[in-house]
Amino acid sequence: MMWLFSRHREEIRLETWYDKYTSEFVVEIAHPDGQTESKRFLNDRVFQTWLATWDGQLLGQGWTQSGPFLSVPERQPTQSVGSHVAGGGDTKAADSATTKRTYTTGTHNFEVTLSRILLKEQTLWTVALVTDASRADKRLSIAGMHAVVSSTQDATFARACDRIDKWLLAQSRA
């Protein structure tokens, strides 16, 4: 997931995801001065607590969540980031593009359509559509897929594949 915060003419970008290879929750922060920092959390509860605390600190320092948002953050209603969701006109349709990739796991073949969006002169990739090609291109609704956003096509695709794996695991348990 990605969130943007702004204050005056400065911007902070926060990207979060789950690294299935290390079993860690990852946070990358791009500061206005160009410096970046990464944090890793082994525990979801600690990660969520850190995220809520960091959000509160930014808001207390006069930062506001800027947009438009590519997804609704998956947060509890009491946490402030979700309450700032708004639309906007910064995304330029002329700069959008899509590409399709295939993910095969077990007996399933998934087609993942990725969309490129230019937001404030920064290229971002999102998941536009996932279909199960092994089942007559059935369009899938996978929880959290709308929240997959990254600055590269490869990272977005990898995160989409992680979501698909989690969805398949949940389906097998049902």
N, C-alpha and C. Protein backbone atom coordinates (compact mmCIF):
# COMPACT_ATOMS: atom_id res chain seq x y z
N MET A 1 0.85 -1.17 0.00
CA MET A 1 0.00 0.00 0.00
C MET A 1 0.89 1.23 0.00
N MET A 2 0.35 2.32 -0.50
CA MET A 2 1.13 3.54 -0.55
C MET A 2 0.28 4.69 -0.05
N TRP A 3 0.92 5.55 0.77
CA TRP A 3 0.27 6.76 1.22
C TRP A 3 1.21 7.93 0.96
N LEU A 4 0.63 9.07 0.63
CA LEU A 4 1.40 10.30 0.43
C LEU A 4 0.94 11.32 1.45
N PHE A 5 1.89 12.00 2.06
CA PHE A 5 1.60 13.06 3.01
C PHE A 5 2.26 14.33 2.50
N SER A 6 1.58 15.45 2.67
CA SER A 6 2.16 16.71 2.20
C SER A 6 2.04 17.78 3.28
N ARG A 7 2.97 18.71 3.21
CA ARG A 7 2.99 19.88 4.09
C ARG A 7 3.71 20.98 3.30
N HIS A 8 2.98 22.05 3.07
CA HIS A 8 3.50 23.13 2.22
C HIS A 8 3.86 22.52 0.86
N ARG A 9 5.10 22.58 0.43
CA ARG A 9 5.50 22.00 -0.86
C ARG A 9 6.33 20.73 -0.68
N GLU A 10 6.32 20.18 0.52
CA GLU A 10 7.07 18.97 0.80
C GLU A 10 6.14 17.76 0.72
N GLU A 11 6.74 16.60 0.47
CA GLU A 11 5.95 15.38 0.40
C GLU A 11 6.74 14.22 1.00
N ILE A 12 6.02 13.38 1.74
CA ILE A 12 6.57 12.13 2.28
C ILE A 12 5.76 11.00 1.66
N ARG A 13 6.46 9.98 1.16
CA ARG A 13 5.79 8.80 0.61
C ARG A 13 6.07 7.61 1.51
N LEU A 14 5.01 6.90 1.87
CA LEU A 14 5.13 5.71 2.70
C LEU A 14 4.61 4.52 1.91
N GLU A 15 5.44 3.49 1.75
CA GLU A 15 5.02 2.25 1.09
C GLU A 15 5.14 1.12 2.10
N THR A 16 4.12 0.25 2.14
CA THR A 16 4.16 -0.90 3.04
C THR A 16 3.80 -2.15 2.26
N TRP A 17 4.36 -3.27 2.67
CA TRP A 17 4.02 -4.56 2.09
C TRP A 17 4.53 -5.67 3.00
N TYR A 18 4.11 -6.87 2.69
CA TYR A 18 4.54 -8.05 3.43
C TYR A 18 5.54 -8.82 2.58
N ASP A 19 6.71 -9.08 3.14
CA ASP A 19 7.76 -9.83 2.45
C ASP A 19 7.60 -11.31 2.84
N LYS A 20 7.04 -12.10 1.92
CA LYS A 20 6.75 -13.50 2.25
C LYS A 20 8.02 -14.34 2.41
N TYR A 21 9.14 -13.87 1.87
CA TYR A 21 10.38 -14.64 1.97
C TYR A 21 11.04 -14.50 3.33
N THR A 22 10.86 -13.34 3.98
CA THR A 22 11.44 -13.14 5.31
C THR A 22 10.37 -13.14 6.40
N SER A 23 9.09 -13.23 6.00
CA SER A 23 7.95 -13.18 6.93
C SER A 23 7.96 -11.89 7.75
N GLU A 24 8.24 -10.78 7.08
CA GLU A 24 8.29 -9.48 7.74
C GLU A 24 7.37 -8.49 7.04
N PHE A 25 6.87 -7.55 7.83
CA PHE A 25 6.14 -6.40 7.29
C PHE A 25 7.17 -5.32 7.04
N VAL A 26 7.16 -4.76 5.83
CA VAL A 26 8.19 -3.81 5.42
C VAL A 26 7.58 -2.43 5.23
N VAL A 27 8.30 -1.42 5.70
CA VAL A 27 7.92 -0.03 5.53
C VAL A 27 9.08 0.68 4.85
N GLU A 28 8.79 1.41 3.78
CA GLU A 28 9.80 2.28 3.16
C GLU A 28 9.26 3.69 3.17
N ILE A 29 10.07 4.61 3.66
CA ILE A 29 9.68 6.01 3.76
C ILE A 29 10.63 6.82 2.89
N ALA A 30 10.06 7.63 1.99
CA ALA A 30 10.84 8.55 1.17
C ALA A 30 10.59 9.95 1.72
N HIS A 31 11.62 10.56 2.29
CA HIS A 31 11.51 11.87 2.92
C HIS A 31 11.66 12.99 1.89
N PRO A 32 11.21 14.19 2.21
CA PRO A 32 11.27 15.31 1.26
C PRO A 32 12.69 15.66 0.81
N ASP A 33 13.69 15.40 1.67
CA ASP A 33 15.07 15.73 1.30
C ASP A 33 15.72 14.67 0.43
N GLY A 34 14.95 13.65 0.04
CA GLY A 34 15.47 12.61 -0.84
C GLY A 34 15.98 11.38 -0.10
N GLN A 35 16.14 11.48 1.21
CA GLN A 35 16.59 10.32 1.97
C GLN A 35 15.47 9.31 2.10
N THR A 36 15.85 8.03 2.14
CA THR A 36 14.86 6.97 2.34
C THR A 36 15.27 6.15 3.54
N GLU A 37 14.28 5.55 4.16
CA GLU A 37 14.56 4.65 5.27
C GLU A 37 13.61 3.46 5.18
N SER A 38 14.10 2.33 5.67
CA SER A 38 13.30 1.11 5.67
C SER A 38 13.20 0.58 7.09
N LYS A 39 12.05 0.01 7.39
CA LYS A 39 11.83 -0.63 8.68
C LYS A 39 11.18 -1.97 8.42
N ARG A 40 11.49 -2.95 9.25
CA ARG A 40 10.92 -4.29 9.12
C ARG A 40 10.36 -4.72 10.47
N PHE A 41 9.20 -5.37 10.41
CA PHE A 41 8.52 -5.81 11.62
C PHE A 41 8.16 -7.28 11.48
N LEU A 42 8.45 -8.05 12.52
CA LEU A 42 8.13 -9.48 12.51
C LEU A 42 6.69 -9.76 12.95
N ASN A 43 6.08 -8.80 13.61
CA ASN A 43 4.77 -9.00 14.21
C ASN A 43 3.78 -7.99 13.64
N ASP A 44 2.61 -8.47 13.17
CA ASP A 44 1.59 -7.60 12.59
C ASP A 44 1.11 -6.56 13.59
N ARG A 45 0.92 -6.96 14.83
CA ARG A 45 0.42 -6.02 15.85
C ARG A 45 1.42 -4.87 16.07
N VAL A 46 2.69 -5.18 16.16
CA VAL A 46 3.72 -4.15 16.34
C VAL A 46 3.75 -3.24 15.11
N PHE A 47 3.66 -3.85 13.92
CA PHE A 47 3.64 -3.08 12.68
C PHE A 47 2.46 -2.11 12.66
N GLN A 48 1.25 -2.59 12.97
CA GLN A 48 0.06 -1.74 12.95
C GLN A 48 0.16 -0.64 14.00
N THR A 49 0.72 -0.95 15.17
CA THR A 49 0.90 0.06 16.22
C THR A 49 1.89 1.13 15.77
N TRP A 50 3.00 0.71 15.16
CA TRP A 50 3.98 1.67 14.66
C TRP A 50 3.34 2.57 13.60
N LEU A 51 2.59 1.96 12.68
CA LEU A 51 1.96 2.70 11.59
C LEU A 51 1.00 3.76 12.13
N ALA A 52 0.18 3.39 13.09
CA ALA A 52 -0.78 4.34 13.67
C ALA A 52 -0.06 5.45 14.42
N THR A 53 1.00 5.10 15.14
CA THR A 53 1.78 6.11 15.89
C THR A 53 2.47 7.07 14.93
N TRP A 54 3.07 6.54 13.89
CA TRP A 54 3.77 7.37 12.90
C TRP A 54 2.79 8.32 12.21
N ASP A 55 1.62 7.80 11.84
CA ASP A 55 0.57 8.60 11.23
C ASP A 55 0.17 9.74 12.16
N GLY A 56 -0.05 9.43 13.43
CA GLY A 56 -0.42 10.45 14.41
C GLY A 56 0.65 11.52 14.58
N GLN A 57 1.90 11.11 14.56
CA GLN A 57 3.00 12.07 14.68
C GLN A 57 3.03 13.02 13.48
N LEU A 58 2.85 12.46 12.28
CA LEU A 58 2.84 13.31 11.08
C LEU A 58 1.70 14.32 11.13
N LEU A 59 0.51 13.84 11.47
CA LEU A 59 -0.65 14.73 11.55
C LEU A 59 -0.42 15.81 12.60
N GLY A 60 0.21 15.45 13.72
CA GLY A 60 0.53 16.41 14.77
C GLY A 60 1.56 17.45 14.33
N GLN A 61 2.35 17.14 13.34
CA GLN A 61 3.37 18.05 12.82
C GLN A 61 2.85 18.86 11.63
N GLY A 62 1.56 18.76 11.36
CA GLY A 62 0.96 19.56 10.30
C GLY A 62 0.93 18.91 8.93
N TRP A 63 1.29 17.63 8.83
CA TRP A 63 1.23 16.92 7.56
C TRP A 63 -0.21 16.48 7.33
N THR A 64 -0.63 16.48 6.07
CA THR A 64 -1.95 15.95 5.72
C THR A 64 -1.76 14.91 4.63
N GLN A 65 -2.66 13.95 4.63
CA GLN A 65 -2.57 12.93 3.60
C GLN A 65 -3.04 13.56 2.30
N SER A 66 -2.20 13.48 1.27
CA SER A 66 -2.53 14.08 -0.01
C SER A 66 -3.01 13.00 -0.96
N GLY A 67 -3.49 13.39 -2.10
CA GLY A 67 -4.05 12.41 -3.01
C GLY A 67 -3.83 12.83 -4.43
N PRO A 68 -4.52 12.24 -5.37
CA PRO A 68 -5.60 11.29 -5.15
C PRO A 68 -5.05 9.96 -4.65
N PHE A 69 -5.89 9.19 -3.97
CA PHE A 69 -5.47 7.91 -3.45
C PHE A 69 -5.76 6.84 -4.47
N LEU A 70 -4.82 5.95 -4.57
CA LEU A 70 -4.97 4.84 -5.51
C LEU A 70 -5.76 3.71 -4.87
N SER A 71 -5.87 3.74 -3.56
CA SER A 71 -6.63 2.71 -2.85
C SER A 71 -7.06 3.26 -1.51
N VAL A 72 -8.03 2.62 -0.93
CA VAL A 72 -8.45 2.97 0.42
C VAL A 72 -7.56 2.18 1.36
N PRO A 73 -6.80 2.85 2.22
CA PRO A 73 -5.92 2.12 3.13
C PRO A 73 -6.70 1.14 3.99
N GLU A 74 -6.14 -0.06 4.19
CA GLU A 74 -6.79 -1.08 4.99
C GLU A 74 -6.47 -0.84 6.45
N ARG A 75 -7.21 0.06 7.07
CA ARG A 75 -6.94 0.42 8.46
C ARG A 75 -8.24 0.44 9.22
N GLN A 76 -8.12 0.44 10.52
CA GLN A 76 -9.29 0.48 11.37
C GLN A 76 -9.95 1.86 11.27
N PRO A 77 -11.29 1.94 11.39
CA PRO A 77 -11.99 3.22 11.26
C PRO A 77 -11.52 4.27 12.26
N THR A 78 -10.97 3.86 13.39
CA THR A 78 -10.53 4.82 14.40
C THR A 78 -9.18 5.43 14.08
N GLN A 79 -8.47 4.86 13.11
CA GLN A 79 -7.16 5.39 12.76
C GLN A 79 -7.33 6.50 11.74
N SER A 80 -6.54 7.53 11.86
CA SER A 80 -6.79 8.76 11.13
C SER A 80 -6.52 8.71 9.64
N VAL A 81 -5.61 7.87 9.14
CA VAL A 81 -5.30 7.90 7.72
C VAL A 81 -6.54 7.60 6.88
N GLY A 82 -7.33 6.63 7.27
CA GLY A 82 -8.52 6.27 6.51
C GLY A 82 -9.51 7.41 6.42
N SER A 83 -9.52 8.31 7.40
CA SER A 83 -10.49 9.40 7.41
C SER A 83 -10.12 10.52 6.45
N HIS A 84 -8.93 10.47 5.88
CA HIS A 84 -8.48 11.54 4.99
C HIS A 84 -8.62 11.19 3.52
N VAL A 85 -9.23 10.07 3.22
CA VAL A 85 -9.34 9.63 1.83
C VAL A 85 -10.15 10.64 1.03
N ALA A 86 -9.58 11.07 -0.10
CA ALA A 86 -10.25 12.06 -0.94
C ALA A 86 -9.82 11.86 -2.38
N GLY A 87 -10.59 12.37 -3.29
CA GLY A 87 -10.23 12.30 -4.70
C GLY A 87 -9.44 13.52 -5.10
N GLY A 88 -9.11 13.60 -6.38
CA GLY A 88 -8.36 14.75 -6.86
C GLY A 88 -8.13 14.61 -8.33
N GLY A 89 -7.55 15.63 -8.92
CA GLY A 89 -7.37 15.62 -10.36
C GLY A 89 -5.93 15.54 -10.80
N ASP A 90 -5.03 15.05 -9.96
CA ASP A 90 -3.62 15.01 -10.33
C ASP A 90 -3.27 13.87 -11.26
N THR A 91 -4.07 12.82 -11.32
CA THR A 91 -3.76 11.70 -12.19
C THR A 91 -4.17 12.04 -13.61
N LYS A 92 -3.22 11.92 -14.54
CA LYS A 92 -3.48 12.28 -15.93
C LYS A 92 -3.80 11.04 -16.73
N ALA A 93 -4.99 10.98 -17.29
CA ALA A 93 -5.42 9.80 -18.04
C ALA A 93 -4.50 9.52 -19.22
N ALA A 94 -3.96 10.56 -19.82
CA ALA A 94 -3.10 10.38 -20.98
C ALA A 94 -1.83 9.63 -20.64
N ASP A 95 -1.44 9.63 -19.35
CA ASP A 95 -0.23 8.97 -18.92
C ASP A 95 -0.48 7.55 -18.42
N SER A 96 -1.71 7.07 -18.51
CA SER A 96 -2.02 5.72 -18.04
C SER A 96 -1.66 4.71 -19.11
N ALA A 97 -1.25 3.55 -18.67
CA ALA A 97 -0.96 2.44 -19.58
C ALA A 97 -1.22 1.15 -18.82
N THR A 98 -1.46 0.07 -19.54
CA THR A 98 -1.65 -1.21 -18.89
C THR A 98 -0.76 -2.26 -19.53
N THR A 99 -0.47 -3.29 -18.76
CA THR A 99 0.29 -4.43 -19.23
C THR A 99 -0.27 -5.66 -18.53
N LYS A 100 -0.16 -6.81 -19.17
CA LYS A 100 -0.67 -8.04 -18.58
C LYS A 100 0.48 -8.99 -18.32
N ARG A 101 0.38 -9.68 -17.18
CA ARG A 101 1.35 -10.70 -16.81
C ARG A 101 0.62 -11.95 -16.36
N THR A 102 1.27 -13.08 -16.50
CA THR A 102 0.67 -14.35 -16.11
C THR A 102 1.37 -14.90 -14.88
N TYR A 103 0.58 -15.38 -13.93
CA TYR A 103 1.09 -16.03 -12.73
C TYR A 103 0.50 -17.43 -12.67
N THR A 104 1.35 -18.43 -12.64
CA THR A 104 0.91 -19.82 -12.59
C THR A 104 1.33 -20.42 -11.26
N THR A 105 0.36 -21.03 -10.60
CA THR A 105 0.62 -21.73 -9.34
C THR A 105 -0.32 -22.91 -9.26
N GLY A 106 0.23 -24.08 -9.01
CA GLY A 106 -0.59 -25.29 -8.97
C GLY A 106 -1.29 -25.50 -10.31
N THR A 107 -2.60 -25.67 -10.25
CA THR A 107 -3.39 -25.86 -11.47
C THR A 107 -4.00 -24.57 -11.98
N HIS A 108 -3.65 -23.46 -11.37
CA HIS A 108 -4.24 -22.16 -11.72
C HIS A 108 -3.30 -21.32 -12.57
N ASN A 109 -3.89 -20.65 -13.55
CA ASN A 109 -3.19 -19.65 -14.35
C ASN A 109 -3.95 -18.34 -14.19
N PHE A 110 -3.28 -17.35 -13.64
CA PHE A 110 -3.91 -16.05 -13.42
C PHE A 110 -3.32 -15.02 -14.38
N GLU A 111 -4.18 -14.19 -14.90
CA GLU A 111 -3.73 -13.06 -15.70
C GLU A 111 -3.91 -11.81 -14.85
N VAL A 112 -2.81 -11.10 -14.63
CA VAL A 112 -2.81 -9.90 -13.80
C VAL A 112 -2.60 -8.70 -14.72
N THR A 113 -3.58 -7.81 -14.73
CA THR A 113 -3.47 -6.58 -15.53
C THR A 113 -2.98 -5.47 -14.62
N LEU A 114 -1.83 -4.91 -14.97
CA LEU A 114 -1.24 -3.82 -14.19
C LEU A 114 -1.48 -2.50 -14.91
N SER A 115 -1.74 -1.46 -14.13
CA SER A 115 -1.96 -0.12 -14.69
C SER A 115 -0.86 0.82 -14.23
N ARG A 116 -0.32 1.58 -15.17
CA ARG A 116 0.66 2.60 -14.84
C ARG A 116 -0.06 3.92 -14.72
N ILE A 117 0.25 4.65 -13.65
CA ILE A 117 -0.38 5.94 -13.41
C ILE A 117 0.72 6.95 -13.09
N LEU A 118 0.61 8.14 -13.64
CA LEU A 118 1.53 9.22 -13.31
C LEU A 118 0.87 10.09 -12.26
N LEU A 119 1.47 10.17 -11.10
CA LEU A 119 0.94 10.96 -9.99
C LEU A 119 2.02 11.93 -9.55
N LYS A 120 1.78 13.21 -9.77
CA LYS A 120 2.76 14.24 -9.41
C LYS A 120 4.14 13.91 -9.97
N GLU A 121 4.18 13.57 -11.24
CA GLU A 121 5.41 13.26 -11.97
C GLU A 121 6.12 12.02 -11.46
N GLN A 122 5.42 11.17 -10.74
CA GLN A 122 5.98 9.93 -10.25
C GLN A 122 5.17 8.77 -10.84
N THR A 123 5.85 7.78 -11.38
CA THR A 123 5.17 6.64 -11.95
C THR A 123 4.84 5.64 -10.86
N LEU A 124 3.58 5.21 -10.82
CA LEU A 124 3.12 4.20 -9.88
C LEU A 124 2.41 3.11 -10.65
N TRP A 125 2.47 1.90 -10.14
CA TRP A 125 1.80 0.76 -10.75
C TRP A 125 0.76 0.21 -9.78
N THR A 126 -0.43 -0.11 -10.29
CA THR A 126 -1.50 -0.69 -9.51
C THR A 126 -2.02 -1.93 -10.22
N VAL A 127 -2.84 -2.71 -9.52
CA VAL A 127 -3.47 -3.88 -10.13
C VAL A 127 -4.86 -3.47 -10.58
N ALA A 128 -5.09 -3.53 -11.88
CA ALA A 128 -6.39 -3.15 -12.44
C ALA A 128 -7.37 -4.31 -12.46
N LEU A 129 -6.86 -5.52 -12.70
CA LEU A 129 -7.75 -6.66 -12.87
C LEU A 129 -6.98 -7.96 -12.69
N VAL A 130 -7.64 -8.95 -12.09
CA VAL A 130 -7.08 -10.30 -12.00
C VAL A 130 -8.15 -11.26 -12.51
N THR A 131 -7.75 -12.10 -13.46
CA THR A 131 -8.67 -13.11 -13.97
C THR A 131 -8.02 -14.48 -13.81
N ASP A 132 -8.87 -15.49 -13.64
CA ASP A 132 -8.41 -16.87 -13.55
C ASP A 132 -8.50 -17.45 -14.96
N ALA A 133 -7.38 -17.46 -15.67
CA ALA A 133 -7.34 -17.92 -17.06
C ALA A 133 -7.64 -19.42 -17.15
N SER A 134 -7.42 -20.16 -16.07
CA SER A 134 -7.70 -21.60 -16.08
C SER A 134 -9.20 -21.87 -15.90
N ARG A 135 -9.97 -20.83 -15.65
CA ARG A 135 -11.42 -20.96 -15.48
C ARG A 135 -12.15 -19.96 -16.38
N ALA A 136 -11.88 -20.03 -17.67
CA ALA A 136 -12.56 -19.20 -18.68
C ALA A 136 -12.45 -17.71 -18.39
N ASP A 137 -11.27 -17.29 -17.98
CA ASP A 137 -11.00 -15.87 -17.71
C ASP A 137 -11.99 -15.25 -16.72
N LYS A 138 -12.34 -16.00 -15.70
CA LYS A 138 -13.25 -15.51 -14.67
C LYS A 138 -12.58 -14.38 -13.90
N ARG A 139 -13.26 -13.24 -13.85
CA ARG A 139 -12.75 -12.08 -13.11
C ARG A 139 -12.83 -12.38 -11.62
N LEU A 140 -11.74 -12.11 -10.90
CA LEU A 140 -11.68 -12.41 -9.48
C LEU A 140 -11.74 -11.15 -8.63
N SER A 141 -12.38 -11.29 -7.49
CA SER A 141 -12.40 -10.23 -6.50
C SER A 141 -11.60 -10.74 -5.31
N ILE A 142 -10.39 -10.25 -5.15
CA ILE A 142 -9.48 -10.73 -4.11
C ILE A 142 -9.28 -9.61 -3.10
N ALA A 143 -9.58 -9.91 -1.85
CA ALA A 143 -9.46 -8.91 -0.79
C ALA A 143 -8.06 -8.31 -0.75
N GLY A 144 -8.00 -7.00 -0.70
CA GLY A 144 -6.72 -6.29 -0.60
C GLY A 144 -6.01 -6.06 -1.92
N MET A 145 -6.49 -6.63 -3.00
CA MET A 145 -5.80 -6.47 -4.28
C MET A 145 -5.81 -5.01 -4.73
N HIS A 146 -6.89 -4.30 -4.42
CA HIS A 146 -6.97 -2.88 -4.81
C HIS A 146 -5.92 -2.03 -4.09
N ALA A 147 -5.36 -2.55 -3.02
CA ALA A 147 -4.38 -1.79 -2.24
C ALA A 147 -2.95 -2.03 -2.69
N VAL A 148 -2.75 -2.85 -3.70
CA VAL A 148 -1.40 -3.14 -4.18
C VAL A 148 -0.94 -1.99 -5.07
N VAL A 149 0.06 -1.27 -4.60
CA VAL A 149 0.61 -0.11 -5.32
C VAL A 149 2.11 -0.10 -5.10
N SER A 150 2.86 0.15 -6.15
CA SER A 150 4.31 0.24 -6.02
C SER A 150 4.86 1.13 -7.13
N SER A 151 6.12 1.47 -6.98
CA SER A 151 6.75 2.35 -7.97
C SER A 151 7.30 1.58 -9.16
N THR A 152 7.33 0.24 -9.09
CA THR A 152 7.81 -0.53 -10.22
C THR A 152 6.79 -1.61 -10.61
N GLN A 153 6.82 -1.97 -11.86
CA GLN A 153 5.94 -3.01 -12.39
C GLN A 153 6.24 -4.36 -11.71
N ASP A 154 7.52 -4.68 -11.57
CA ASP A 154 7.92 -5.95 -10.96
C ASP A 154 7.45 -6.07 -9.52
N ALA A 155 7.63 -5.03 -8.74
CA ALA A 155 7.22 -5.07 -7.33
C ALA A 155 5.70 -5.18 -7.21
N THR A 156 4.98 -4.48 -8.06
CA THR A 156 3.51 -4.56 -8.04
C THR A 156 3.05 -5.96 -8.40
N PHE A 157 3.66 -6.56 -9.41
CA PHE A 157 3.30 -7.92 -9.81
C PHE A 157 3.61 -8.91 -8.69
N ALA A 158 4.78 -8.77 -8.06
CA ALA A 158 5.15 -9.68 -6.97
C ALA A 158 4.16 -9.57 -5.81
N ARG A 159 3.75 -8.37 -5.47
CA ARG A 159 2.79 -8.18 -4.39
C ARG A 159 1.42 -8.74 -4.77
N ALA A 160 1.05 -8.60 -6.04
CA ALA A 160 -0.22 -9.18 -6.50
C ALA A 160 -0.17 -10.70 -6.39
N CYS A 161 0.96 -11.30 -6.74
CA CYS A 161 1.11 -12.76 -6.63
C CYS A 161 1.00 -13.20 -5.17
N ASP A 162 1.57 -12.42 -4.25
CA ASP A 162 1.44 -12.73 -2.82
C ASP A 162 -0.03 -12.72 -2.40
N ARG A 163 -0.79 -11.73 -2.86
CA ARG A 163 -2.22 -11.66 -2.54
C ARG A 163 -2.97 -12.85 -3.12
N ILE A 164 -2.62 -13.24 -4.33
CA ILE A 164 -3.26 -14.40 -4.94
C ILE A 164 -2.97 -15.65 -4.12
N ASP A 165 -1.71 -15.83 -3.69
CA ASP A 165 -1.35 -16.99 -2.87
C ASP A 165 -2.17 -17.03 -1.58
N LYS A 166 -2.31 -15.89 -0.92
CA LYS A 166 -3.09 -15.82 0.32
C LYS A 166 -4.56 -16.13 0.04
N TRP A 167 -5.07 -15.64 -1.06
CA TRP A 167 -6.47 -15.89 -1.43
C TRP A 167 -6.69 -17.37 -1.70
N LEU A 168 -5.77 -18.00 -2.43
CA LEU A 168 -5.89 -19.43 -2.71
C LEU A 168 -5.84 -20.26 -1.43
N LEU A 169 -4.98 -19.87 -0.50
CA LEU A 169 -4.89 -20.58 0.77
C LEU A 169 -6.23 -20.46 1.53
N ALA A 170 -6.79 -19.28 1.54
CA ALA A 170 -8.09 -19.07 2.22
C ALA A 170 -9.19 -19.88 1.54
N GLN A 171 -9.15 -19.95 0.20
CA GLN A 171 -10.15 -20.71 -0.54
C GLN A 171 -10.05 -22.22 -0.22
N SER A 172 -8.83 -22.70 -0.06
CA SER A 172 -8.65 -24.13 0.22
C SER A 172 -9.11 -24.49 1.63
N ARG A 173 -9.10 -23.53 2.54
CA ARG A 173 -9.55 -23.77 3.91
C ARG A 173 -11.06 -23.69 4.05
N ALA A 174 -11.71 -23.02 3.08
CA ALA A 174 -13.16 -22.81 3.18
C ALA A 174 -13.95 -24.04 2.79
